[in-house]
């Protein structure tokens, strides 16, 4: 039994070490401080929250674990004054996504880099 548990621990650590990350960076005058930015991993009609942060000094940064392949996500900004902003972003390991926000409803993905 002890061998089996040790095997599971080694397997888990090895698998976890293969997980890579993607980075999403946003900035611009349209990003109001103290709003929450949340990234959801879409799975059919539902999704799970992968990362969340708060906008500070007109910018935010999310680091998201991405196992492999292409992951469909939705980036949401929750604002009590405006309707919630949601943008679909496809991520893969090593991606760096840059977003420029002219205002609350006008977000443009200005760059995608793969490491």
Protein backbone atom coordinates (compact mmCIF):
# COMPACT_ATOMS: atom_id res chain seq x y z
CA UNK A 1 0.00 0.00 0.00
CA UNK A 2 2.83 2.39 0.85
CA UNK A 3 4.45 1.70 -2.49
CA UNK A 4 1.21 2.46 -4.30
CA UNK A 5 0.78 5.79 -2.47
CA UNK A 6 4.41 6.71 -3.20
CA UNK A 7 3.83 5.86 -6.86
CA UNK A 8 0.74 8.12 -6.95
CA UNK A 9 2.65 11.00 -5.39
CA UNK A 10 5.50 10.66 -7.91
CA UNK A 11 3.00 10.43 -10.77
CA UNK A 12 1.16 13.54 -9.58
CA UNK A 13 4.36 15.58 -9.17
CA UNK A 14 5.63 14.49 -12.58
CA UNK A 15 2.32 15.33 -14.27
CA UNK A 16 2.07 18.69 -12.52
CA UNK A 17 5.57 19.65 -13.63
CA UNK A 18 4.54 19.30 -17.29
CA UNK A 19 1.77 21.89 -16.94
CA UNK A 20 2.76 25.12 -18.63
CA UNK A 21 1.39 28.63 -18.35
CA UNK A 22 -0.05 31.34 -20.55
CA UNK A 23 0.06 35.04 -19.66
CA UNK A 24 -2.61 37.66 -20.34
CA UNK A 25 -1.64 41.32 -19.89
CA UNK A 26 -4.07 44.20 -20.25
CA UNK A 27 -3.58 47.96 -20.04
CA UNK A 28 -5.08 51.19 -21.27
CA UNK A 29 -7.26 54.13 -20.28
CA UNK A 30 -10.41 52.01 -20.50
CA UNK A 31 -9.35 49.86 -17.55
CA UNK A 32 -10.87 51.37 -14.43
CA UNK A 33 -9.11 50.57 -11.16
CA UNK A 34 -10.67 48.11 -8.69
CA UNK A 35 -12.73 46.20 -11.30
CA UNK A 36 -12.41 42.42 -11.22
CA UNK A 37 -11.02 40.56 -14.24
CA UNK A 38 -11.80 36.83 -14.34
CA UNK A 39 -10.80 34.14 -16.82
CA UNK A 40 -13.08 31.12 -17.27
CA UNK A 41 -12.17 27.88 -19.03
CA UNK A 42 -15.11 27.05 -21.29
CA UNK A 43 -16.29 23.45 -21.21
CA UNK A 44 -19.41 23.10 -23.33
CA UNK A 45 -22.15 25.36 -21.95
CA UNK A 46 -20.40 25.82 -18.59
CA UNK A 47 -16.96 26.74 -17.41
CA UNK A 48 -14.63 26.86 -14.46
CA UNK A 49 -12.76 29.87 -13.11
CA UNK A 50 -9.04 29.63 -13.93
CA UNK A 51 -7.73 32.98 -12.65
CA UNK A 52 -8.93 36.29 -11.27
CA UNK A 53 -7.31 39.62 -10.43
CA UNK A 54 -8.19 43.24 -9.80
CA UNK A 55 -7.26 46.10 -12.13
CA UNK A 56 -4.64 48.40 -10.58
CA UNK A 57 -3.17 51.54 -12.16
CA UNK A 58 -4.98 50.81 -15.42
CA UNK A 59 -3.52 47.36 -15.97
CA UNK A 60 -3.82 43.70 -15.02
CA UNK A 61 -1.88 40.46 -15.46
CA UNK A 62 -3.18 36.90 -15.33
CA UNK A 63 -0.98 33.81 -15.33
CA UNK A 64 -2.99 30.76 -16.33
CA UNK A 65 -2.00 27.07 -16.24
CA UNK A 66 -2.53 25.45 -19.66
CA UNK A 67 -1.89 21.71 -19.86
CA UNK A 68 -1.60 21.16 -23.62
CA UNK A 69 -3.28 21.88 -26.90
CA UNK A 70 -5.68 24.77 -27.32
CA UNK A 71 -7.82 25.95 -24.39
CA UNK A 72 -10.95 28.03 -25.03
CA UNK A 73 -11.40 30.69 -22.36
CA UNK A 74 -13.61 33.69 -21.69
CA UNK A 75 -12.15 36.85 -20.17
CA UNK A 76 -14.75 38.80 -18.18
CA UNK A 77 -14.67 42.24 -16.58
CA UNK A 78 -17.39 42.82 -14.01
CA UNK A 79 -18.47 46.45 -13.83
CA UNK A 80 -21.56 47.55 -11.85
CA UNK A 81 -22.07 50.59 -14.13
CA UNK A 82 -21.75 48.86 -17.53
CA UNK A 83 -22.81 45.45 -18.83
CA UNK A 84 -20.25 42.74 -18.18
CA UNK A 85 -17.56 42.59 -20.85
CA UNK A 86 -16.70 39.09 -22.10
CA UNK A 87 -14.16 38.16 -24.77
CA UNK A 88 -13.24 34.68 -25.99
CA UNK A 89 -9.51 33.97 -26.01
CA UNK A 90 -7.87 30.74 -27.12
CA UNK A 91 -4.74 29.88 -25.13
CA UNK A 92 -2.00 27.33 -25.53
CA UNK A 93 1.10 26.69 -23.41
CA UNK A 94 3.61 29.52 -23.58
CA UNK A 95 1.22 32.09 -25.06
CA UNK A 96 1.49 35.75 -24.07
CA UNK A 97 -1.63 37.76 -24.94
CA UNK A 98 -1.57 41.56 -24.82
CA UNK A 99 -4.81 43.56 -24.63
CA UNK A 100 -5.32 47.30 -25.17
CA UNK A 101 -8.51 48.78 -23.74
CA UNK A 102 -9.58 52.13 -25.21
CA UNK A 103 -12.76 52.09 -23.10
CA UNK A 104 -14.94 49.60 -21.22
CA UNK A 105 -16.49 48.08 -24.33
CA UNK A 106 -13.61 48.42 -26.81
CA UNK A 107 -10.94 45.86 -26.00
CA UNK A 108 -8.47 44.91 -28.72
CA UNK A 109 -6.02 42.03 -28.57
CA UNK A 110 -2.87 43.81 -29.78
CA UNK A 111 -0.42 40.94 -29.64
CA UNK A 112 -0.07 37.22 -29.19
CA UNK A 113 3.39 35.78 -28.67
CA UNK A 114 4.42 32.18 -28.27
CA UNK A 115 7.49 31.34 -26.26
